[in-house]
Amino acid sequence: MLKEDITKPENTQVLKTGYPNLVAQPEHAGIDFYGHEILIGDSIVMDPSTGEIVLKENLESYLSDVYGFSFKTAE
């Protein structure tokens, strides 16, 4: 019985190439300053003085780390 299962066309294909990727993967557009993956549709910020690209969600950290900006809550 095992021999019959292995010789089915769909089993032969899986043995040759592996299982197909059934989950659509988002398209990759690069890596930001911190090494985070940028996907198509992500909001990014470009620093014209360095050429660095930063995910918008990392902008506050970037401004603090690179330029010494300090973010506080007004009292």
PDB file of N, CA and C in Angstrom:
ATOM      1  N   MET A   1       0.820  -1.199   0.000  1.00  0.00           N
ATOM      2  CA  MET A   1       0.000   0.000   0.000  1.00  0.00           C
ATOM      3  C   MET A   1       0.863   1.262   0.000  1.00  0.00           C
ATOM      4  N   LEU A   2       1.943   1.268   0.714  1.00  0.00           N
ATOM      5  CA  LEU A   2       2.826   2.425   0.752  1.00  0.00           C
ATOM      6  C   LEU A   2       3.382   2.725  -0.627  1.00  0.00           C
ATOM      7  N   LYS A   3       3.733   1.687  -1.380  1.00  0.00           N
ATOM      8  CA  LYS A   3       4.272   1.882  -2.725  1.00  0.00           C
ATOM      9  C   LYS A   3       3.264   2.604  -3.618  1.00  0.00           C
ATOM     10  N   GLU A   4       1.991   2.257  -3.513  1.00  0.00           N
ATOM     11  CA  GLU A   4       0.958   2.910  -4.310  1.00  0.00           C
ATOM     12  C   GLU A   4       0.833   4.388  -3.955  1.00  0.00           C
ATOM     13  N   ASP A   5       0.892   4.716  -2.653  1.00  0.00           N
ATOM     14  CA  ASP A   5       0.755   6.106  -2.214  1.00  0.00           C
ATOM     15  C   ASP A   5       1.916   6.956  -2.718  1.00  0.00           C
ATOM     16  N   ILE A   6       3.102   6.437  -2.724  1.00  0.00           N
ATOM     17  CA  ILE A   6       4.277   7.199  -3.142  1.00  0.00           C
ATOM     18  C   ILE A   6       4.240   7.476  -4.636  1.00  0.00           C
ATOM     19  N   THR A   7       3.666   6.580  -5.414  1.00  0.00           N
ATOM     20  CA  THR A   7       3.680   6.750  -6.860  1.00  0.00           C
ATOM     21  C   THR A   7       2.564   7.643  -7.392  1.00  0.00           C
ATOM     22  N   LYS A   8       1.690   8.134  -6.532  1.00  0.00           N
ATOM     23  CA  LYS A   8       0.663   9.072  -6.997  1.00  0.00           C
ATOM     24  C   LYS A   8       1.359  10.347  -7.465  1.00  0.00           C
ATOM     25  N   PRO A   9       0.885  10.952  -8.542  1.00  0.00           N
ATOM     26  CA  PRO A   9       1.541  12.148  -9.090  1.00  0.00           C
ATOM     27  C   PRO A   9       1.730  13.271  -8.072  1.00  0.00           C
ATOM     28  N   GLU A  10       0.700  13.514  -7.237  1.00  0.00           N
ATOM     29  CA  GLU A  10       0.840  14.601  -6.260  1.00  0.00           C
ATOM     30  C   GLU A  10       1.896  14.298  -5.200  1.00  0.00           C
ATOM     31  N   ASN A  11       2.047  13.032  -4.823  1.00  0.00           N
ATOM     32  CA  ASN A  11       3.081  12.657  -3.859  1.00  0.00           C
ATOM     33  C   ASN A  11       4.468  12.751  -4.486  1.00  0.00           C
ATOM     34  N   THR A  12       4.576  12.342  -5.734  1.00  0.00           N
ATOM     35  CA  THR A  12       5.857  12.434  -6.439  1.00  0.00           C
ATOM     36  C   THR A  12       6.297  13.893  -6.530  1.00  0.00           C
ATOM     37  N   GLN A  13       5.361  14.798  -6.836  1.00  0.00           N
ATOM     38  CA  GLN A  13       5.679  16.222  -6.934  1.00  0.00           C
ATOM     39  C   GLN A  13       6.160  16.768  -5.583  1.00  0.00           C
ATOM     40  N   VAL A  14       5.495  16.411  -4.494  1.00  0.00           N
ATOM     41  CA  VAL A  14       5.886  16.868  -3.161  1.00  0.00           C
ATOM     42  C   VAL A  14       7.279  16.360  -2.815  1.00  0.00           C
ATOM     43  N   LEU A  15       7.578  15.117  -3.162  1.00  0.00           N
ATOM     44  CA  LEU A  15       8.902  14.565  -2.883  1.00  0.00           C
ATOM     45  C   LEU A  15       9.985  15.301  -3.668  1.00  0.00           C
ATOM     46  N   LYS A  16       9.661  15.745  -4.876  1.00  0.00           N
ATOM     47  CA  LYS A  16      10.644  16.451  -5.711  1.00  0.00           C
ATOM     48  C   LYS A  16      10.842  17.902  -5.279  1.00  0.00           C
ATOM     49  N   THR A  17       9.744  18.611  -5.012  1.00  0.00           N
ATOM     50  CA  THR A  17       9.841  20.062  -4.812  1.00  0.00           C
ATOM     51  C   THR A  17       9.381  20.539  -3.444  1.00  0.00           C
ATOM     52  N   GLY A  18       8.845  19.666  -2.609  1.00  0.00           N
ATOM     53  CA  GLY A  18       8.313  20.091  -1.317  1.00  0.00           C
ATOM     54  C   GLY A  18       6.884  20.586  -1.475  1.00  0.00           C
ATOM     55  N   TYR A  19       6.285  20.912  -0.353  1.00  0.00           N
ATOM     56  CA  TYR A  19       4.912  21.402  -0.376  1.00  0.00           C
ATOM     57  C   TYR A  19       4.880  22.828  -0.918  1.00  0.00           C
ATOM     58  N   PRO A  20       3.846  23.164  -1.681  1.00  0.00           N
ATOM     59  CA  PRO A  20       3.750  24.532  -2.193  1.00  0.00           C
ATOM     60  C   PRO A  20       3.458  25.499  -1.051  1.00  0.00           C
ATOM     61  N   ASN A  21       3.929  26.724  -1.201  1.00  0.00           N
ATOM     62  CA  ASN A  21       3.648  27.754  -0.208  1.00  0.00           C
ATOM     63  C   ASN A  21       2.219  28.242  -0.437  1.00  0.00           C
ATOM     64  N   LEU A  22       1.316  27.864   0.443  1.00  0.00           N
ATOM     65  CA  LEU A  22      -0.091  28.184   0.250  1.00  0.00           C
ATOM     66  C   LEU A  22      -0.468  29.543   0.823  1.00  0.00           C
ATOM     67  N   VAL A  23       0.427  30.156   1.581  1.00  0.00           N
ATOM     68  CA  VAL A  23       0.143  31.454   2.183  1.00  0.00           C
ATOM     69  C   VAL A  23       0.869  32.524   1.381  1.00  0.00           C
ATOM     70  N   ALA A  24       0.138  33.501   0.900  1.00  0.00           N
ATOM     71  CA  ALA A  24       0.762  34.590   0.143  1.00  0.00           C
ATOM     72  C   ALA A  24       1.658  35.397   1.071  1.00  0.00           C
ATOM     73  N   GLN A  25       2.869  35.633   0.637  1.00  0.00           N
ATOM     74  CA  GLN A  25       3.824  36.398   1.420  1.00  0.00           C
ATOM     75  C   GLN A  25       3.819  37.849   0.955  1.00  0.00           C
ATOM     76  N   PRO A  26       3.836  38.819   1.895  1.00  0.00           N
ATOM     77  CA  PRO A  26       3.900  40.215   1.472  1.00  0.00           C
ATOM     78  C   PRO A  26       5.224  40.492   0.753  1.00  0.00           C
ATOM     79  N   GLU A  27       5.182  41.414  -0.192  1.00  0.00           N
ATOM     80  CA  GLU A  27       6.374  41.708  -0.971  1.00  0.00           C
ATOM     81  C   GLU A  27       7.360  42.540  -0.153  1.00  0.00           C
ATOM     82  N   HIS A  28       8.585  42.104  -0.138  1.00  0.00           N
ATOM     83  CA  HIS A  28       9.667  42.716   0.621  1.00  0.00           C
ATOM     84  C   HIS A  28      10.240  43.901  -0.162  1.00  0.00           C
ATOM     85  N   ALA A  29      10.445  45.042   0.530  1.00  0.00           N
ATOM     86  CA  ALA A  29      10.950  46.237  -0.150  1.00  0.00           C
ATOM     87  C   ALA A  29      12.304  46.693   0.393  1.00  0.00           C
ATOM     88  N   GLY A  30      12.857  45.997   1.375  1.00  0.00           N
ATOM     89  CA  GLY A  30      14.158  46.384   1.909  1.00  0.00           C
ATOM     90  C   GLY A  30      14.208  46.278   3.420  1.00  0.00           C
ATOM     91  N   ILE A  31      15.271  46.878   3.973  1.00  0.00           N
ATOM     92  CA  ILE A  31      15.533  46.855   5.412  1.00  0.00           C
ATOM     93  C   ILE A  31      15.752  48.294   5.869  1.00  0.00           C
ATOM     94  N   ASP A  32      15.218  48.649   7.041  1.00  0.00           N
ATOM     95  CA  ASP A  32      15.414  50.017   7.521  1.00  0.00           C
ATOM     96  C   ASP A  32      16.703  50.127   8.342  1.00  0.00           C
ATOM     97  N   PHE A  33      16.972  51.316   8.858  1.00  0.00           N
ATOM     98  CA  PHE A  33      18.174  51.625   9.635  1.00  0.00           C
ATOM     99  C   PHE A  33      18.409  50.626  10.764  1.00  0.00           C
ATOM    100  N   TYR A  34      17.330  50.150  11.375  1.00  0.00           N
ATOM    101  CA  TYR A  34      17.431  49.239  12.519  1.00  0.00           C
ATOM    102  C   TYR A  34      17.423  47.763  12.117  1.00  0.00           C
ATOM    103  N   GLY A  35      17.387  47.495  10.822  1.00  0.00           N
ATOM    104  CA  GLY A  35      17.386  46.110  10.367  1.00  0.00           C
ATOM    105  C   GLY A  35      16.009  45.494  10.290  1.00  0.00           C
ATOM    106  N   HIS A  36      14.973  46.324  10.442  1.00  0.00           N
ATOM    107  CA  HIS A  36      13.606  45.814  10.343  1.00  0.00           C
ATOM    108  C   HIS A  36      13.189  45.726   8.878  1.00  0.00           C
ATOM    109  N   GLU A  37      12.458  44.678   8.572  1.00  0.00           N
ATOM    110  CA  GLU A  37      11.995  44.448   7.211  1.00  0.00           C
ATOM    111  C   GLU A  37      10.972  45.503   6.795  1.00  0.00           C
ATOM    112  N   ILE A  38      11.126  46.044   5.610  1.00  0.00           N
ATOM    113  CA  ILE A  38      10.168  46.987   5.039  1.00  0.00           C
ATOM    114  C   ILE A  38       9.366  46.225   3.993  1.00  0.00           C
ATOM    115  N   LEU A  39       8.043  46.279   4.133  1.00  0.00           N
ATOM    116  CA  LEU A  39       7.153  45.609   3.200  1.00  0.00           C
ATOM    117  C   LEU A  39       6.464  46.644   2.322  1.00  0.00           C
ATOM    118  N   ILE A  40       6.068  46.238   1.129  1.00  0.00           N
ATOM    119  CA  ILE A  40       5.328  47.127   0.235  1.00  0.00           C
ATOM    120  C   ILE A  40       4.123  47.667   1.000  1.00  0.00           C
ATOM    121  N   GLY A  41       3.947  48.986   0.977  1.00  0.00           N
ATOM    122  CA  GLY A  41       2.831  49.620   1.669  1.00  0.00           C
ATOM    123  C   GLY A  41       3.186  50.197   3.024  1.00  0.00           C
ATOM    124  N   ASP A  42       4.369  49.847   3.578  1.00  0.00           N
ATOM    125  CA  ASP A  42       4.787  50.410   4.862  1.00  0.00           C
ATOM    126  C   ASP A  42       5.109  51.895   4.704  1.00  0.00           C
ATOM    127  N   SER A  43       4.866  52.686   5.761  1.00  0.00           N
ATOM    128  CA  SER A  43       5.231  54.098   5.765  1.00  0.00           C
ATOM    129  C   SER A  43       6.693  54.216   6.175  1.00  0.00           C
ATOM    130  N   ILE A  44       7.464  54.924   5.350  1.00  0.00           N
ATOM    131  CA  ILE A  44       8.893  55.088   5.633  1.00  0.00           C
ATOM    132  C   ILE A  44       9.248  56.573   5.618  1.00  0.00           C
ATOM    133  N   VAL A  45      10.390  56.882   6.227  1.00  0.00           N
ATOM    134  CA  VAL A  45      10.939  58.231   6.238  1.00  0.00           C
ATOM    135  C   VAL A  45      12.354  58.130   5.704  1.00  0.00           C
ATOM    136  N   MET A  46      12.708  59.049   4.809  1.00  0.00           N
ATOM    137  CA  MET A  46      14.064  59.057   4.254  1.00  0.00           C
ATOM    138  C   MET A  46      14.805  60.260   4.823  1.00  0.00           C
ATOM    139  N   ASP A  47      16.003  60.023   5.352  1.00  0.00           N
ATOM    140  CA  ASP A  47      16.851  61.092   5.891  1.00  0.00           C
ATOM    141  C   ASP A  47      17.718  61.602   4.746  1.00  0.00           C
ATOM    142  N   PRO A  48      17.473  62.822   4.270  1.00  0.00           N
ATOM    143  CA  PRO A  48      18.219  63.330   3.115  1.00  0.00           C
ATOM    144  C   PRO A  48      19.702  63.567   3.397  1.00  0.00           C
ATOM    145  N   SER A  49      20.052  63.766   4.663  1.00  0.00           N
ATOM    146  CA  SER A  49      21.462  64.037   4.965  1.00  0.00           C
ATOM    147  C   SER A  49      22.312  62.774   5.014  1.00  0.00           C
ATOM    148  N   THR A  50      21.690  61.625   5.293  1.00  0.00           N
ATOM    149  CA  THR A  50      22.464  60.379   5.376  1.00  0.00           C
ATOM    150  C   THR A  50      22.050  59.353   4.336  1.00  0.00           C
ATOM    151  N   GLY A  51      20.844  59.526   3.767  1.00  0.00           N
ATOM    152  CA  GLY A  51      20.328  58.546   2.825  1.00  0.00           C
ATOM    153  C   GLY A  51      19.687  57.350   3.497  1.00  0.00           C
ATOM    154  N   GLU A  52      19.639  57.372   4.823  1.00  0.00           N
ATOM    155  CA  GLU A  52      19.048  56.247   5.562  1.00  0.00           C
ATOM    156  C   GLU A  52      17.538  56.219   5.380  1.00  0.00           C
ATOM    157  N   ILE A  53      16.979  55.024   5.412  1.00  0.00           N
ATOM    158  CA  ILE A  53      15.542  54.817   5.353  1.00  0.00           C
ATOM    159  C   ILE A  53      15.117  54.232   6.694  1.00  0.00           C
ATOM    160  N   VAL A  54      14.041  54.793   7.259  1.00  0.00           N
ATOM    161  CA  VAL A  54      13.564  54.373   8.569  1.00  0.00           C
ATOM    162  C   VAL A  54      12.058  54.152   8.488  1.00  0.00           C
ATOM    163  N   LEU A  55      11.590  53.056   9.059  1.00  0.00           N
ATOM    164  CA  LEU A  55      10.150  52.867   9.168  1.00  0.00           C
ATOM    165  C   LEU A  55       9.585  54.004  10.018  1.00  0.00           C
ATOM    166  N   LYS A  56       8.434  54.526   9.628  1.00  0.00           N
ATOM    167  CA  LYS A  56       7.843  55.651  10.346  1.00  0.00           C
ATOM    168  C   LYS A  56       7.678  55.343  11.832  1.00  0.00           C
ATOM    169  N   GLU A  57       7.362  54.110  12.152  1.00  0.00           N
ATOM    170  CA  GLU A  57       7.190  53.721  13.559  1.00  0.00           C
ATOM    171  C   GLU A  57       8.507  53.778  14.345  1.00  0.00           C
ATOM    172  N   ASN A  58       9.646  53.827  13.654  1.00  0.00           N
ATOM    173  CA  ASN A  58      10.955  53.908  14.307  1.00  0.00           C
ATOM    174  C   ASN A  58      11.551  55.314  14.265  1.00  0.00           C
ATOM    175  N   LEU A  59      10.788  56.285  13.755  1.00  0.00           N
ATOM    176  CA  LEU A  59      11.333  57.627  13.565  1.00  0.00           C
ATOM    177  C   LEU A  59      11.783  58.280  14.866  1.00  0.00           C
ATOM    178  N   GLU A  60      10.995  58.176  15.899  1.00  0.00           N
ATOM    179  CA  GLU A  60      11.379  58.793  17.172  1.00  0.00           C
ATOM    180  C   GLU A  60      12.699  58.213  17.682  1.00  0.00           C
ATOM    181  N   SER A  61      12.852  56.914  17.612  1.00  0.00           N
ATOM    182  CA  SER A  61      14.107  56.275  18.045  1.00  0.00           C
ATOM    183  C   SER A  61      15.270  56.738  17.185  1.00  0.00           C
ATOM    184  N   TYR A  62      15.052  56.828  15.888  1.00  0.00           N
ATOM    185  CA  TYR A  62      16.112  57.261  14.964  1.00  0.00           C
ATOM    186  C   TYR A  62      16.561  58.685  15.289  1.00  0.00           C
ATOM    187  N   LEU A  63      15.604  59.585  15.474  1.00  0.00           N
ATOM    188  CA  LEU A  63      15.956  60.971  15.788  1.00  0.00           C
ATOM    189  C   LEU A  63      16.701  61.074  17.110  1.00  0.00           C
ATOM    190  N   SER A  64      16.340  60.254  18.077  1.00  0.00           N
ATOM    191  CA  SER A  64      17.048  60.237  19.361  1.00  0.00           C
ATOM    192  C   SER A  64      18.451  59.657  19.208  1.00  0.00           C
ATOM    193  N   ASP A  65      18.567  58.532  18.542  1.00  0.00           N
ATOM    194  CA  ASP A  65      19.847  57.835  18.420  1.00  0.00           C
ATOM    195  C   ASP A  65      20.843  58.570  17.538  1.00  0.00           C
ATOM    196  N   VAL A  66      20.382  59.079  16.403  1.00  0.00           N
ATOM    197  CA  VAL A  66      21.295  59.665  15.425  1.00  0.00           C
ATOM    198  C   VAL A  66      21.539  61.153  15.670  1.00  0.00           C
ATOM    199  N   TYR A  67      20.494  61.889  16.039  1.00  0.00           N
ATOM    200  CA  TYR A  67      20.610  63.338  16.162  1.00  0.00           C
ATOM    201  C   TYR A  67      20.504  63.859  17.593  1.00  0.00           C
ATOM    202  N   GLY A  68      20.284  62.968  18.533  1.00  0.00           N
ATOM    203  CA  GLY A  68      20.211  63.382  19.930  1.00  0.00           C
ATOM    204  C   GLY A  68      18.924  64.092  20.323  1.00  0.00           C
ATOM    205  N   PHE A  69      17.880  63.959  19.514  1.00  0.00           N
ATOM    206  CA  PHE A  69      16.603  64.560  19.868  1.00  0.00           C
ATOM    207  C   PHE A  69      16.097  63.953  21.181  1.00  0.00           C
ATOM    208  N   SER A  70      15.395  64.768  21.949  1.00  0.00           N
ATOM    209  CA  SER A  70      14.834  64.325  23.197  1.00  0.00           C
ATOM    210  C   SER A  70      13.324  64.557  23.160  1.00  0.00           C
ATOM    211  N   PHE A  71      12.561  63.542  23.438  1.00  0.00           N
ATOM    212  CA  PHE A  71      11.099  63.624  23.403  1.00  0.00           C
ATOM    213  C   PHE A  71      10.556  63.562  24.816  1.00  0.00           C
ATOM    214  N   LYS A  72       9.754  64.561  25.162  1.00  0.00           N
ATOM    215  CA  LYS A  72       9.177  64.623  26.527  1.00  0.00           C
ATOM    216  C   LYS A  72       7.719  65.054  26.407  1.00  0.00           C
ATOM    217  N   THR A  73       6.996  64.891  27.478  1.00  0.00           N
ATOM    218  CA  THR A  73       5.613  65.347  27.569  1.00  0.00           C
ATOM    219  C   THR A  73       5.614  66.711  28.251  1.00  0.00           C
ATOM    220  N   ALA A  74       4.922  67.692  27.660  1.00  0.00           N
ATOM    221  CA  ALA A  74       4.863  69.025  28.247  1.00  0.00           C
ATOM    222  C   ALA A  74       4.105  68.971  29.574  1.00  0.00           C
ATOM    223  N   GLU A  75       4.601  69.759  30.512  1.00  0.00           N
ATOM    224  CA  GLU A  75       3.950  69.816  31.840  1.00  0.00           C
ATOM    225  C   GLU A  75       3.403  71.183  32.094  1.00  0.00           C
TER     226      GLU A  75
END
